Amino acid sequence: MATLRSKTLFFVTSPRTPFKMLPEVKLLVEEFSDKTWNTDTQSQFAQRLSDAIFFAGTAVKDKAFSARDRINRAPKALGFVNLKPTIQLTEPGRQLLYGKRPYEIFTRQLLKFQLPSPFHKDPHNVFNVKPYLEILRLIYDLGSLSKDEIKVFAIQLTDYQKYDVIKNKIKQFRQDLLNLDRNVTNYKRFLYSTLLNETMKIYCAEIKTGNIKTRESSEKSVASFIKTKMDNARDYADACFRYLRATELVVASKSGAYLKVSDDKIADVEYIIKTVDRKPTNFLNEKEYKAYLFNPNTPILITDDKVSIIKTIERYGIKQELYNKLSLEQLKDYRDDLIANKRKENVAKNAIELRTYNQYSEIISLFKQLMGKRVPVDSPLLLEWNVWRAFAMLNDGQIEGNFKVDDEGTPLMTAPGNKPDIECRYKDFNSIIEVTMSTGQKQYEMEGEPVARHLGKFKKENKSKDTFGIFIAKSINDATLAHFYTLHKVPVSYYGGISKIIPLDIETLIKMLTVANSCKQKPSSKHLLNFLKTAAEASNTATDEKNWYDEIKRLAKEWVDLTNRGYIA
């Protein structure tokens, strides 16, 4: 049981990306169900998790603490697992892992999350709120809500009765921005000043009394205290953003700066705002709270009503008497298919626009952010999406990302582990692209075998054309490089023979894009094919894997000119 000591809202931050919860919860219940959740099982779970191929974290000394950090936060707080008296998967957890519509059960559980609760005691009577419900209300009422507005203002919404005060603060902030000489530098300064002032107001009592020690820092100073609180606000805003997106009720702007209600889900959000009680329930004990939290059918959503589902379907211009004969689940399937088709249309439109190179600067800028020391939140997902954009921009193929997108075509979830990240089908050849933010030995452990396996499977399914693999990472680990180099020389039947996998670091990919952008006549898939062939053949003449990689990077600088220079006919 946690004790609330904060004076602002908090949002579950572990795991940072909600979709990472699925394999972790699955591992927990498959291997530890019916066991007591104590330091022994926590340490064992942490070890199994660190060994799991899907886990990208790092080992820590206190394994029990690490396990509690992963499970006691989002999985427990949102009711997907029950940890007392023994470890059990709840019905909401079962629907999250195995149901057709994980976004639906995720929505229900976020809307039930309240402060205080038997899981979160509030000795100072600060909280009286359902955080995700009120943030969703702000998004709807204001038309959008930025991550900056959440970290500065929305986290102050500790009581739903403060709603109008917080909403008006955000409106005033936007009005002040209109009067600002708007550029990036001025905005950052204004934002920092506003966040600093708001944080100082919130914690003025602590500053006056000298109660400014934080567990995050050994330094006891006002500057360190305020910095910690501001950093926490940023982390909570990021977490709120990611978890709300998992409901699929809201979509992110292309820049990822703000959220708005999806056009296809306006009726869903309006129904929630009108029907879900804003006031937290006063539970007598934990047992009573669990009965509420573990009920997979509450709160009622618009998707629980056949008439509402039919109205949604009819908004697509489709009217059929047949609807009345379909079950609720069949109607949900039909609606989901319509929304999925609209998403595909949005992705296809974006792909066409990408080939104009109008997004070139934006793509390069994001790659450089991903290479920096402070990478954006959800960097693996952003890398997949940006690589997809880069290859869609480059040439004339059918470039399909297996990452999941929201209703606007903005990335929502990375590709599943059983598929390549990106599949490219061209007139004369095919390729798959695998990307990763992992580095060091973990890169080899996570990516070495799966890349070859995905390539082998793709080759077997597309036998009519030559197929290449492209592996893109922030940097290429030596073990990963040696593995791919060997696969060029040793045929493995399980991988479909020789595996032609070309490794590229992001910096090299940026050079290829820069070369392409400078060409008056933009390159086509023919140029990419010649580069891939030349890079693959270079493995036969290279003295070792490092020499081969140096040659790949040299070829990348002139990849558009390879046909003119006689490398490949």
Protein backbone atom coordinates (compact mmCIF):
# COMPACT_ATOMS: atom_id res chain seq x y z
CA MET A 1 0.00 0.00 0.00
CA ALA A 2 1.44 3.35 -1.08
CA THR A 3 1.13 6.59 0.86
CA LEU A 4 0.52 9.71 -1.21
CA ARG A 5 3.04 12.39 -0.28
CA SER A 6 2.95 14.40 -3.50
CA LYS A 7 1.07 17.67 -3.89
CA THR A 8 0.44 17.06 -7.59
CA LEU A 9 -1.08 14.28 -9.66
CA PHE A 10 1.08 11.34 -10.52
CA PHE A 11 0.64 8.86 -13.36
CA VAL A 12 2.02 5.34 -13.41
CA THR A 13 5.45 5.49 -15.04
CA SER A 14 6.48 1.84 -15.02
CA PRO A 15 6.54 0.39 -17.51
CA ARG A 16 7.04 3.67 -19.36
CA THR A 17 5.23 2.36 -22.42
CA PRO A 18 1.92 0.65 -21.53
CA PHE A 19 2.21 -2.00 -24.25
CA LYS A 20 5.38 -3.32 -22.61
CA MET A 21 3.13 -4.41 -19.78
CA LEU A 22 1.65 -7.24 -21.86
CA PRO A 23 4.66 -9.59 -22.15
CA GLU A 24 5.72 -8.78 -18.60
CA VAL A 25 2.33 -9.61 -17.10
CA LYS A 26 2.15 -12.71 -19.26
CA LEU A 27 5.54 -13.87 -17.96
CA LEU A 28 4.46 -13.21 -14.38
CA VAL A 29 1.22 -15.20 -14.52
CA GLU A 30 2.59 -18.04 -16.65
CA GLU A 31 5.51 -18.74 -14.32
CA PHE A 32 4.45 -17.39 -10.92
CA SER A 33 0.67 -17.83 -10.63
CA ASP A 34 -0.51 -19.06 -7.22
CA LYS A 35 2.80 -18.11 -5.62
CA THR A 36 3.23 -15.52 -2.88
CA TRP A 37 4.52 -12.15 -4.08
CA ASN A 38 7.48 -11.75 -1.74
CA THR A 39 11.14 -10.83 -2.05
CA ASP A 40 12.03 -14.35 -3.25
CA THR A 41 9.49 -14.50 -6.08
CA GLN A 42 10.16 -10.84 -6.88
CA SER A 43 13.88 -11.54 -7.31
CA GLN A 44 13.14 -14.64 -9.40
CA PHE A 45 10.74 -12.70 -11.62
CA ALA A 46 13.26 -9.88 -12.09
CA GLN A 47 15.88 -12.39 -13.17
CA ARG A 48 13.51 -14.09 -15.62
CA LEU A 49 12.52 -10.69 -16.95
CA SER A 50 16.11 -9.57 -17.49
CA ASP A 51 16.77 -12.84 -19.37
CA ALA A 52 13.68 -12.43 -21.58
CA ILE A 53 14.40 -11.54 -25.18
CA PHE A 54 11.66 -8.87 -25.21
CA PHE A 55 13.07 -6.95 -22.23
CA ALA A 56 15.28 -4.00 -23.12
CA GLY A 57 16.08 -2.85 -19.59
CA THR A 58 19.31 -3.30 -17.67
CA ALA A 59 20.13 -5.51 -14.72
CA VAL A 60 19.98 -3.94 -11.28
CA LYS A 61 21.39 -5.01 -7.93
CA ASP A 62 18.09 -4.93 -6.03
CA LYS A 63 16.09 -7.39 -8.10
CA ALA A 64 13.13 -7.46 -5.72
CA PHE A 65 12.78 -3.68 -5.95
CA SER A 66 13.03 -3.89 -9.74
CA ALA A 67 10.20 -6.45 -9.83
CA ARG A 68 7.96 -4.35 -7.62
CA ASP A 69 8.69 -1.35 -9.84
CA ARG A 70 7.44 -3.27 -12.89
CA ILE A 71 4.43 -5.00 -11.33
CA ASN A 72 3.24 -2.98 -8.32
CA ARG A 73 2.78 0.13 -10.41
CA ALA A 74 0.74 -0.12 -13.61
CA PRO A 75 -0.21 -3.86 -13.62
CA LYS A 76 -1.40 -3.81 -10.00
CA ALA A 77 -2.67 -0.21 -9.86
CA LEU A 78 -4.79 -0.69 -12.99
CA GLY A 79 -6.16 -4.02 -11.85
CA PHE A 80 -4.55 -6.38 -14.35
CA VAL A 81 -2.98 -8.59 -11.66
CA ASN A 82 -3.94 -9.46 -8.10
CA LEU A 83 -0.92 -9.92 -5.84
CA LYS A 84 -2.66 -10.94 -2.61
CA PRO A 85 -2.97 -13.52 -1.21
CA THR A 86 -1.19 -15.04 -4.24
CA ILE A 87 -0.32 -13.92 -7.76
CA GLN A 88 -3.34 -14.14 -10.07
CA LEU A 89 -4.34 -12.79 -13.46
CA THR A 90 -7.57 -10.82 -13.10
CA GLU A 91 -10.37 -10.81 -15.67
CA PRO A 92 -9.32 -7.36 -16.94
CA GLY A 93 -5.79 -8.77 -17.23
CA ARG A 94 -7.05 -11.74 -19.22
CA GLN A 95 -8.89 -9.42 -21.61
CA LEU A 96 -5.80 -7.23 -21.94
CA LEU A 97 -3.59 -10.20 -22.86
CA TYR A 98 -5.96 -12.35 -24.88
CA GLY A 99 -9.00 -10.27 -25.80
CA LYS A 100 -9.82 -8.78 -29.21
CA ARG A 101 -9.95 -5.22 -27.96
CA PRO A 102 -7.22 -4.50 -25.41
CA TYR A 103 -7.78 -0.76 -25.91
CA GLU A 104 -11.34 -1.17 -24.58
CA ILE A 105 -10.37 -2.85 -21.30
CA PHE A 106 -7.47 -0.43 -20.96
CA THR A 107 -9.95 2.45 -21.20
CA ARG A 108 -12.17 0.98 -18.50
CA GLN A 109 -9.27 0.45 -16.11
CA LEU A 110 -7.82 3.95 -16.60
CA LEU A 111 -11.22 5.48 -15.94
CA LYS A 112 -11.52 3.53 -12.68
CA PHE A 113 -8.10 4.60 -11.41
CA GLN A 114 -8.71 7.03 -8.56
CA LEU A 115 -6.87 8.91 -5.84
CA PRO A 116 -7.19 8.14 -3.02
CA SER A 117 -7.92 4.40 -2.92
CA PRO A 118 -7.10 1.43 -0.70
CA PHE A 119 -3.98 1.05 -2.89
CA HIS A 120 -3.03 4.72 -2.40
CA LYS A 121 -3.64 6.24 1.03
CA ASP A 122 -3.97 10.03 1.33
CA PRO A 123 -3.19 11.05 4.96
CA HIS A 124 -3.27 14.78 4.15
CA ASN A 125 -6.56 14.74 2.21
CA VAL A 126 -5.03 16.28 -0.90
CA PHE A 127 -6.62 14.04 -3.53
CA ASN A 128 -10.18 13.64 -4.74
CA VAL A 129 -9.91 12.77 -8.40
CA LYS A 130 -9.94 10.22 -11.20
CA PRO A 131 -6.84 11.55 -13.00
CA TYR A 132 -7.25 10.05 -16.46
CA LEU A 133 -10.92 10.98 -16.62
CA GLU A 134 -10.17 14.63 -15.86
CA ILE A 135 -7.28 14.83 -18.32
CA LEU A 136 -9.54 13.34 -21.00
CA ARG A 137 -12.12 15.99 -20.13
CA LEU A 138 -9.51 18.74 -20.57
CA ILE A 139 -8.51 17.38 -23.96
CA TYR A 140 -12.14 17.38 -25.07
CA ASP A 141 -13.09 20.78 -23.62
CA LEU A 142 -9.97 22.57 -24.84
CA GLY A 143 -9.82 20.85 -28.23
CA SER A 144 -6.30 19.60 -27.49
CA LEU A 145 -3.84 19.38 -24.65
CA SER A 146 -0.08 19.62 -24.98
CA LYS A 147 2.45 17.66 -23.00
CA ASP A 148 3.78 20.99 -21.69
CA GLU A 149 0.30 22.00 -20.48
CA ILE A 150 -0.01 18.70 -18.62
CA LYS A 151 3.32 19.05 -16.83
CA VAL A 152 2.77 22.71 -15.89
CA PHE A 153 -0.94 22.83 -15.10
CA ALA A 154 -2.90 19.58 -15.41
CA ILE A 155 -0.86 17.77 -12.76
CA GLN A 156 -2.22 20.34 -10.28
CA LEU A 157 -5.71 18.87 -10.74
CA THR A 158 -5.61 16.87 -7.50
CA ASP A 159 -9.33 17.44 -6.88
CA TYR A 160 -11.92 17.33 -9.66
CA GLN A 161 -13.54 20.42 -8.10
CA LYS A 162 -10.42 22.39 -9.17
CA TYR A 163 -11.18 21.59 -12.81
CA ASP A 164 -12.37 25.04 -13.90
CA VAL A 165 -9.43 26.74 -12.19
CA ILE A 166 -6.93 24.53 -14.04
CA LYS A 167 -8.75 24.85 -17.35
CA ASN A 168 -8.71 28.64 -17.07
CA LYS A 169 -4.98 28.60 -16.25
CA ILE A 170 -4.34 26.70 -19.48
CA LYS A 171 -6.48 29.15 -21.44
CA GLN A 172 -4.52 32.05 -19.99
CA PHE A 173 -1.24 30.31 -20.81
CA ARG A 174 -2.38 29.98 -24.43
CA GLN A 175 -3.42 33.63 -24.52
CA ASP A 176 -0.02 34.68 -23.17
CA LEU A 177 1.63 32.64 -25.90
CA LEU A 178 -0.24 34.63 -28.54
CA ASN A 179 1.42 37.77 -27.21
CA LEU A 180 4.86 36.15 -27.27
CA ASP A 181 7.35 36.78 -30.07
CA ARG A 182 7.08 33.10 -30.96
CA ASN A 183 10.23 31.17 -31.78
CA VAL A 184 11.70 28.04 -30.27
CA THR A 185 14.08 29.87 -27.92
CA ASN A 186 11.46 32.31 -26.64
CA TYR A 187 8.94 29.52 -26.14
CA LYS A 188 11.39 27.40 -24.16
CA ARG A 189 12.28 30.33 -21.95
CA PHE A 190 8.63 31.21 -21.38
CA LEU A 191 7.74 27.58 -20.66
CA TYR A 192 10.60 27.18 -18.21
CA SER A 193 9.71 30.40 -16.43
CA THR A 194 6.05 29.38 -16.17
CA LEU A 195 6.87 25.88 -14.92
CA LEU A 196 9.33 27.29 -12.39
CA ASN A 197 6.80 29.81 -11.07
CA GLU A 198 4.03 27.22 -10.79
CA THR A 199 6.32 24.73 -9.05
CA MET A 200 7.51 27.37 -6.57
CA LYS A 201 3.88 28.20 -5.72
CA ILE A 202 2.96 24.55 -5.19
CA TYR A 203 5.86 23.90 -2.84
CA CYS A 204 6.17 27.29 -1.14
CA ALA A 205 5.40 25.78 2.29
CA GLU A 206 8.14 23.17 1.95
CA ILE A 207 10.63 25.81 0.86
CA LYS A 208 9.76 28.05 3.83
CA THR A 209 10.15 25.24 6.37
CA GLY A 210 13.26 23.75 4.74
CA ASN A 211 11.52 20.43 4.07
CA ILE A 212 13.28 20.08 0.72
CA LYS A 213 15.04 16.71 0.87
CA THR A 214 14.20 14.35 -1.98
CA ARG A 215 15.03 10.69 -2.42
CA GLU A 216 16.25 11.38 -5.96
CA SER A 217 19.12 13.61 -4.82
CA SER A 218 21.58 13.61 -1.93
CA GLU A 219 21.85 17.39 -2.27
CA LYS A 220 19.56 19.42 0.00
CA SER A 221 18.99 22.77 -1.66
CA VAL A 222 16.04 24.68 -3.05
CA ALA A 223 17.50 24.49 -6.55
CA SER A 224 17.88 20.70 -6.38
CA PHE A 225 14.43 20.29 -4.82
CA ILE A 226 12.67 22.36 -7.48
CA LYS A 227 14.60 20.69 -10.31
CA THR A 228 13.51 17.27 -9.02
CA LYS A 229 9.87 18.35 -8.89
CA MET A 230 10.05 19.80 -12.40
CA ASP A 231 11.69 16.64 -13.73
CA ASN A 232 8.97 14.55 -12.08
CA ALA A 233 6.32 16.72 -13.72
CA ARG A 234 7.89 16.03 -17.11
CA ASP A 235 7.96 12.28 -16.48
CA TYR A 236 4.35 12.23 -15.32
CA ALA A 237 3.25 14.19 -18.39
CA ASP A 238 5.05 11.69 -20.64
CA ALA A 239 3.41 8.77 -18.84
CA CYS A 240 -0.04 10.35 -19.00
CA PHE A 241 0.43 10.90 -22.73
CA ARG A 242 1.41 7.31 -23.46
CA TYR A 243 -1.24 5.67 -21.30
CA LEU A 244 -4.08 7.79 -22.68
CA ARG A 245 -3.01 7.00 -26.24
CA ALA A 246 -3.34 3.29 -25.46
CA THR A 247 -7.12 3.83 -25.11
CA GLU A 248 -7.22 4.82 -28.82
CA LEU A 249 -9.67 7.58 -27.85
CA VAL A 250 -7.06 10.26 -28.50
CA VAL A 251 -4.41 10.77 -31.15
CA ALA A 252 -1.12 12.60 -31.06
CA SER A 253 -0.06 15.40 -33.34
CA LYS A 254 2.62 14.57 -35.87
CA SER A 255 5.18 16.33 -33.69
CA GLY A 256 3.99 14.38 -30.66
CA ALA A 257 3.49 17.65 -28.79
CA TYR A 258 -0.22 17.43 -28.02
CA LEU A 259 -3.22 15.11 -27.88
CA LYS A 260 -6.68 15.57 -29.33
CA VAL A 261 -9.76 13.37 -29.46
CA SER A 262 -9.82 11.14 -32.53
CA ASP A 263 -12.52 12.20 -34.99
CA ASP A 264 -13.88 8.65 -34.95
CA LYS A 265 -14.06 8.60 -31.14
CA ILE A 266 -15.74 11.92 -30.33
CA ALA A 267 -19.02 10.19 -29.49
CA ASP A 268 -17.13 7.72 -27.27
CA VAL A 269 -15.49 10.51 -25.29
CA GLU A 270 -18.70 12.52 -24.98
CA TYR A 271 -20.42 9.43 -23.58
CA ILE A 272 -17.64 8.94 -21.02
CA ILE A 273 -17.73 12.57 -19.91
CA LYS A 274 -21.51 12.48 -19.48
CA THR A 275 -21.83 9.12 -17.74
CA VAL A 276 -18.71 8.32 -15.70
CA ASP A 277 -18.96 9.65 -12.16
CA ARG A 278 -16.21 12.18 -11.48
CA LYS A 279 -16.26 11.66 -7.73
CA PRO A 280 -14.01 8.87 -6.41
CA THR A 281 -15.78 6.16 -4.43
CA ASN A 282 -15.08 5.79 -0.72
CA PHE A 283 -14.23 2.11 -0.27
CA LEU A 284 -14.36 0.51 3.15
CA ASN A 285 -11.50 -1.88 2.53
CA GLU A 286 -9.19 -3.35 -0.11
CA LYS A 287 -11.50 -6.29 -0.79
CA GLU A 288 -14.32 -3.94 -1.75
CA TYR A 289 -11.97 -1.90 -3.95
CA LYS A 290 -10.71 -5.01 -5.74
CA ALA A 291 -14.27 -6.09 -6.53
CA TYR A 292 -14.72 -2.71 -8.22
CA LEU A 293 -11.32 -2.67 -9.93
CA PHE A 294 -11.44 -6.26 -11.18
CA ASN A 295 -14.89 -5.93 -12.79
CA PRO A 296 -14.17 -5.99 -16.56
CA ASN A 297 -17.58 -4.58 -17.49
CA THR A 298 -17.38 -1.20 -15.77
CA PRO A 299 -17.61 1.62 -16.42
CA ILE A 300 -20.15 1.31 -19.24
CA LEU A 301 -18.79 2.56 -22.57
CA ILE A 302 -20.58 3.60 -25.73
CA THR A 303 -19.33 0.38 -27.32
CA ASP A 304 -21.56 -1.58 -24.92
CA ASP A 305 -24.66 -0.24 -26.67
CA LYS A 306 -25.73 -1.72 -30.03
CA VAL A 307 -27.64 1.40 -31.09
CA SER A 308 -24.58 3.60 -30.51
CA ILE A 309 -22.32 1.21 -32.42
CA ILE A 310 -24.73 1.20 -35.37
CA LYS A 311 -24.80 5.02 -35.36
CA THR A 312 -20.99 5.03 -35.49
CA ILE A 313 -21.00 2.63 -38.43
CA GLU A 314 -23.62 4.71 -40.24
CA ARG A 315 -21.37 7.77 -39.97
CA TYR A 316 -19.23 6.02 -42.58
CA GLY A 317 -22.19 6.21 -44.96
CA ILE A 318 -23.12 2.56 -44.52
CA LYS A 319 -26.73 1.59 -43.72
CA GLN A 320 -27.97 -1.96 -43.64
CA GLU A 321 -30.91 -3.71 -42.04
CA LEU A 322 -28.50 -6.57 -41.36
CA TYR A 323 -27.02 -4.68 -38.41
CA ASN A 324 -30.01 -5.44 -36.23
CA LYS A 325 -29.32 -9.15 -36.66
CA LEU A 326 -25.67 -8.92 -35.66
CA SER A 327 -24.48 -9.45 -32.11
CA LEU A 328 -22.78 -6.67 -30.16
CA GLU A 329 -19.38 -8.32 -30.64
CA GLN A 330 -19.96 -8.67 -34.39
CA LEU A 331 -20.90 -4.99 -34.59
CA LYS A 332 -17.73 -4.07 -32.70
CA ASP A 333 -15.70 -6.14 -35.16
CA TYR A 334 -17.37 -4.31 -38.06
CA ARG A 335 -16.66 -0.90 -36.54
CA ASP A 336 -13.06 -1.85 -35.82
CA ASP A 337 -12.60 -2.93 -39.45
CA LEU A 338 -13.93 0.41 -40.70
CA ILE A 339 -11.59 2.35 -38.43
CA ALA A 340 -8.65 0.11 -39.43
CA ASN A 341 -9.35 0.75 -43.12
CA LYS A 342 -9.43 4.49 -42.50
CA ARG A 343 -6.06 4.23 -40.76
CA LYS A 344 -4.64 2.42 -43.78
CA GLU A 345 -5.93 5.20 -46.02
CA ASN A 346 -4.24 7.82 -43.84
CA VAL A 347 -0.94 5.90 -43.96
CA ALA A 348 -1.20 5.56 -47.75
CA LYS A 349 -1.84 9.31 -48.12
CA ASN A 350 1.18 10.04 -45.95
CA ALA A 351 3.35 7.72 -48.06
CA ILE A 352 2.37 9.60 -51.22
CA GLU A 353 3.14 12.94 -49.56
CA LEU A 354 6.51 11.64 -48.33
CA ARG A 355 7.72 11.07 -51.89
CA THR A 356 7.64 14.83 -52.46
CA TYR A 357 10.55 15.12 -49.97
CA ASN A 358 8.57 17.83 -48.16
CA GLN A 359 9.20 16.02 -44.86
CA TYR A 360 12.95 15.58 -45.46
CA SER A 361 14.08 18.16 -42.86
CA GLU A 362 11.63 16.82 -40.29
CA ILE A 363 12.88 13.24 -40.82
CA ILE A 364 16.53 14.26 -40.49
CA SER A 365 15.78 16.30 -37.37
CA LEU A 366 14.11 13.33 -35.65
CA PHE A 367 17.02 11.01 -36.55
CA LYS A 368 19.42 13.49 -34.96
CA GLN A 369 17.29 13.63 -31.82
CA LEU A 370 17.37 9.83 -31.66
CA MET A 371 21.16 9.92 -31.88
CA GLY A 372 21.45 12.46 -29.06
CA LYS A 373 22.15 11.91 -25.39
CA ARG A 374 18.59 12.74 -24.33
CA VAL A 375 16.44 10.69 -26.69
CA PRO A 376 12.69 11.29 -27.05
CA VAL A 377 10.19 9.22 -25.14
CA ASP A 378 9.20 6.01 -26.99
CA SER A 379 12.39 6.25 -29.06
CA PRO A 380 12.16 2.62 -30.39
CA LEU A 381 8.70 3.39 -31.80
CA LEU A 382 9.82 6.73 -33.23
CA LEU A 383 12.83 5.06 -34.86
CA GLU A 384 10.62 2.46 -36.57
CA TRP A 385 8.26 5.16 -37.80
CA ASN A 386 11.01 7.51 -38.98
CA VAL A 387 12.82 4.73 -40.86
CA TRP A 388 9.51 3.86 -42.52
CA ARG A 389 9.10 7.53 -43.50
CA ALA A 390 12.67 7.64 -44.81
CA PHE A 391 12.28 4.61 -47.07
CA ALA A 392 8.80 5.68 -48.20
CA MET A 393 10.38 9.00 -49.20
CA LEU A 394 13.37 7.44 -50.95
CA ASN A 395 11.85 5.37 -53.70
CA ASP A 396 9.00 3.68 -55.49
CA GLY A 397 8.32 0.58 -53.43
CA GLN A 398 5.44 -0.55 -51.30
CA ILE A 399 6.81 0.19 -47.82
CA GLU A 400 4.73 -1.29 -45.01
CA GLY A 401 5.50 -0.69 -41.36
CA ASN A 402 4.25 -3.36 -38.99
CA PHE A 403 4.09 -0.87 -36.12
CA LYS A 404 0.58 0.05 -35.05
CA VAL A 405 -0.70 3.55 -35.79
CA ASP A 406 -3.52 5.61 -34.35
CA ASP A 407 -6.47 6.98 -36.33
CA GLU A 408 -4.33 9.78 -37.77
CA GLY A 409 -1.51 7.47 -38.88
CA THR A 410 0.81 8.52 -36.04
CA PRO A 411 2.81 5.63 -34.50
CA LEU A 412 1.26 4.01 -31.46
CA MET A 413 3.00 0.69 -30.82
CA THR A 414 6.13 -1.05 -32.16
CA ALA A 415 5.90 -4.05 -34.49
CA PRO A 416 5.11 -7.40 -32.83
CA GLY A 417 8.06 -9.69 -32.18
CA ASN A 418 7.01 -12.27 -34.78
CA LYS A 419 7.22 -9.87 -37.74
CA PRO A 420 9.85 -7.65 -39.37
CA ASP A 421 9.59 -4.02 -38.35
CA ILE A 422 9.18 -2.90 -41.96
CA GLU A 423 8.50 -4.86 -45.17
CA CYS A 424 9.51 -3.40 -48.54
CA ARG A 425 8.21 -4.82 -51.82
CA TYR A 426 9.73 -3.49 -55.04
CA LYS A 427 9.38 -4.35 -58.70
CA ASP A 428 12.70 -6.20 -58.92
CA PHE A 429 13.43 -7.24 -55.31
CA ASN A 430 12.19 -7.25 -51.73
CA SER A 431 13.69 -6.29 -48.41
CA ILE A 432 12.85 -6.28 -44.74
CA ILE A 433 14.09 -3.63 -42.33
CA GLU A 434 14.76 -4.20 -38.65
CA VAL A 435 15.57 -1.30 -36.36
CA THR A 436 16.66 -1.04 -32.74
CA MET A 437 17.69 1.51 -30.16
CA SER A 438 19.55 -1.16 -28.19
CA THR A 439 23.35 -1.08 -28.10
CA GLY A 440 26.14 -3.23 -26.75
CA GLN A 441 25.79 -6.96 -26.13
CA LYS A 442 22.03 -6.57 -25.60
CA GLN A 443 21.72 -5.58 -29.26
CA TYR A 444 23.23 -8.86 -30.40
CA GLU A 445 21.16 -10.91 -27.96
CA MET A 446 17.89 -9.21 -28.93
CA GLU A 447 18.39 -8.70 -32.66
CA GLY A 448 21.03 -11.07 -34.04
CA GLU A 449 18.97 -14.24 -34.47
CA PRO A 450 15.51 -12.66 -34.98
CA VAL A 451 16.67 -10.54 -37.94
CA ALA A 452 17.97 -13.60 -39.78
CA ARG A 453 14.86 -15.60 -38.86
CA HIS A 454 12.50 -12.88 -40.08
CA LEU A 455 14.49 -12.59 -43.30
CA GLY A 456 14.41 -16.36 -43.83
CA LYS A 457 10.65 -16.51 -43.31
CA PHE A 458 10.08 -13.55 -45.62
CA LYS A 459 12.24 -15.16 -48.34
CA LYS A 460 10.23 -18.37 -48.16
CA GLU A 461 6.98 -16.45 -48.49
CA ASN A 462 8.30 -14.34 -51.40
CA LYS A 463 10.44 -16.76 -53.43
CA SER A 464 10.09 -15.02 -56.80
CA LYS A 465 12.44 -12.13 -55.96
CA ASP A 466 15.84 -11.58 -54.43
CA THR A 467 15.46 -10.45 -50.81
CA PHE A 468 17.74 -8.39 -48.59
CA GLY A 469 17.70 -7.52 -44.92
CA ILE A 470 18.58 -4.03 -43.68
CA PHE A 471 19.48 -3.56 -40.04
CA ILE A 472 19.46 -0.01 -38.65
CA ALA A 473 20.66 1.04 -35.20
CA LYS A 474 22.12 4.03 -33.40
CA SER A 475 25.41 2.13 -33.53
CA ILE A 476 26.27 -1.39 -34.67
CA ASN A 477 27.61 -3.69 -31.97
CA ASP A 478 30.73 -5.68 -32.88
CA ALA A 479 29.04 -9.02 -32.14
CA THR A 480 26.03 -8.08 -34.26
CA LEU A 481 28.31 -7.03 -37.13
CA ALA A 482 30.32 -10.27 -36.94
CA HIS A 483 27.10 -12.32 -36.95
CA PHE A 484 25.71 -10.64 -40.08
CA TYR A 485 29.08 -10.84 -41.83
CA THR A 486 29.23 -14.60 -41.18
CA LEU A 487 25.69 -15.12 -42.49
CA HIS A 488 26.81 -13.67 -45.85
CA LYS A 489 29.29 -16.53 -46.13
CA VAL A 490 27.60 -19.51 -44.48
CA PRO A 491 24.31 -20.83 -45.91
CA VAL A 492 21.86 -21.83 -43.17
CA SER A 493 18.80 -23.76 -44.37
CA TYR A 494 16.71 -22.52 -41.42
CA TYR A 495 17.30 -18.97 -42.65
CA GLY A 496 16.70 -19.89 -46.31
CA GLY A 497 20.37 -20.11 -47.34
CA ILE A 498 22.72 -17.12 -47.44
CA SER A 499 21.33 -14.19 -45.42
CA LYS A 500 22.15 -10.89 -47.09
CA ILE A 501 21.73 -8.48 -44.18
CA ILE A 502 23.21 -4.99 -44.55
CA PRO A 503 23.93 -3.14 -41.27
CA LEU A 504 23.61 0.65 -41.20
CA ASP A 505 23.99 3.05 -38.32
CA ILE A 506 21.68 6.07 -38.22
CA GLU A 507 24.48 8.46 -39.17
CA THR A 508 25.12 6.47 -42.35
CA LEU A 509 21.43 6.41 -43.18
CA ILE A 510 21.31 10.20 -42.75
CA LYS A 511 24.14 10.49 -45.29
CA MET A 512 22.17 8.37 -47.76
CA LEU A 513 19.12 10.59 -47.31
CA THR A 514 21.24 13.73 -47.71
CA VAL A 515 22.67 12.39 -50.97
CA ALA A 516 19.17 11.56 -52.23
CA ASN A 517 17.79 14.98 -51.32
CA SER A 518 20.59 16.73 -53.20
CA CYS A 519 19.81 14.92 -56.46
CA LYS A 520 17.78 16.80 -59.03
CA GLN A 521 16.32 13.51 -60.21
CA LYS A 522 15.41 11.61 -57.06
CA PRO A 523 16.65 8.00 -56.74
CA SER A 524 14.45 4.97 -57.33
CA SER A 525 14.38 1.40 -56.09
CA LYS A 526 16.92 0.56 -58.81
CA HIS A 527 19.52 2.67 -57.01
CA LEU A 528 18.72 1.02 -53.68
CA LEU A 529 19.01 -2.44 -55.27
CA ASN A 530 22.42 -1.63 -56.67
CA PHE A 531 23.60 -0.38 -53.29
CA LEU A 532 22.36 -3.50 -51.49
CA LYS A 533 23.90 -5.82 -54.10
CA THR A 534 27.22 -4.00 -53.98
CA ALA A 535 27.25 -4.00 -50.18
CA ALA A 536 26.46 -7.71 -50.08
CA GLU A 537 29.16 -8.57 -52.63
CA ALA A 538 31.67 -6.53 -50.62
CA SER A 539 31.51 -9.21 -47.92
CA ASN A 540 33.30 -11.58 -50.35
CA THR A 541 36.34 -9.34 -50.78
CA ALA A 542 36.52 -7.80 -47.29
CA THR A 543 39.36 -8.95 -45.04
CA ASP A 544 37.05 -9.10 -42.01
CA GLU A 545 33.73 -7.76 -40.73
CA LYS A 546 35.12 -4.35 -39.80
CA ASN A 547 36.66 -3.88 -43.23
CA TRP A 548 33.30 -4.89 -44.73
CA TYR A 549 31.43 -2.34 -42.62
CA ASP A 550 33.87 0.41 -43.56
CA GLU A 551 33.15 -0.40 -47.22
CA ILE A 552 29.38 -0.26 -46.64
CA LYS A 553 29.73 3.21 -45.11
CA ARG A 554 31.90 4.32 -48.03
CA LEU A 555 29.38 3.02 -50.56
CA ALA A 556 26.55 4.77 -48.74
CA LYS A 557 28.11 8.17 -49.48
CA GLU A 558 27.81 7.56 -53.23
CA TRP A 559 24.94 5.05 -53.38
CA VAL A 560 22.97 6.97 -56.01
CA ASP A 561 25.98 7.01 -58.37
CA LEU A 562 26.85 3.31 -58.17
CA THR A 563 25.15 2.46 -61.50
CA ASN A 564 26.94 5.32 -63.26
CA ARG A 565 30.33 4.17 -61.95
CA GLY A 566 29.93 0.63 -63.18
CA TYR A 567 29.65 -1.23 -59.90
CA ILE A 568 26.51 -3.09 -60.96
CA ALA A 569 25.12 -3.31 -64.45
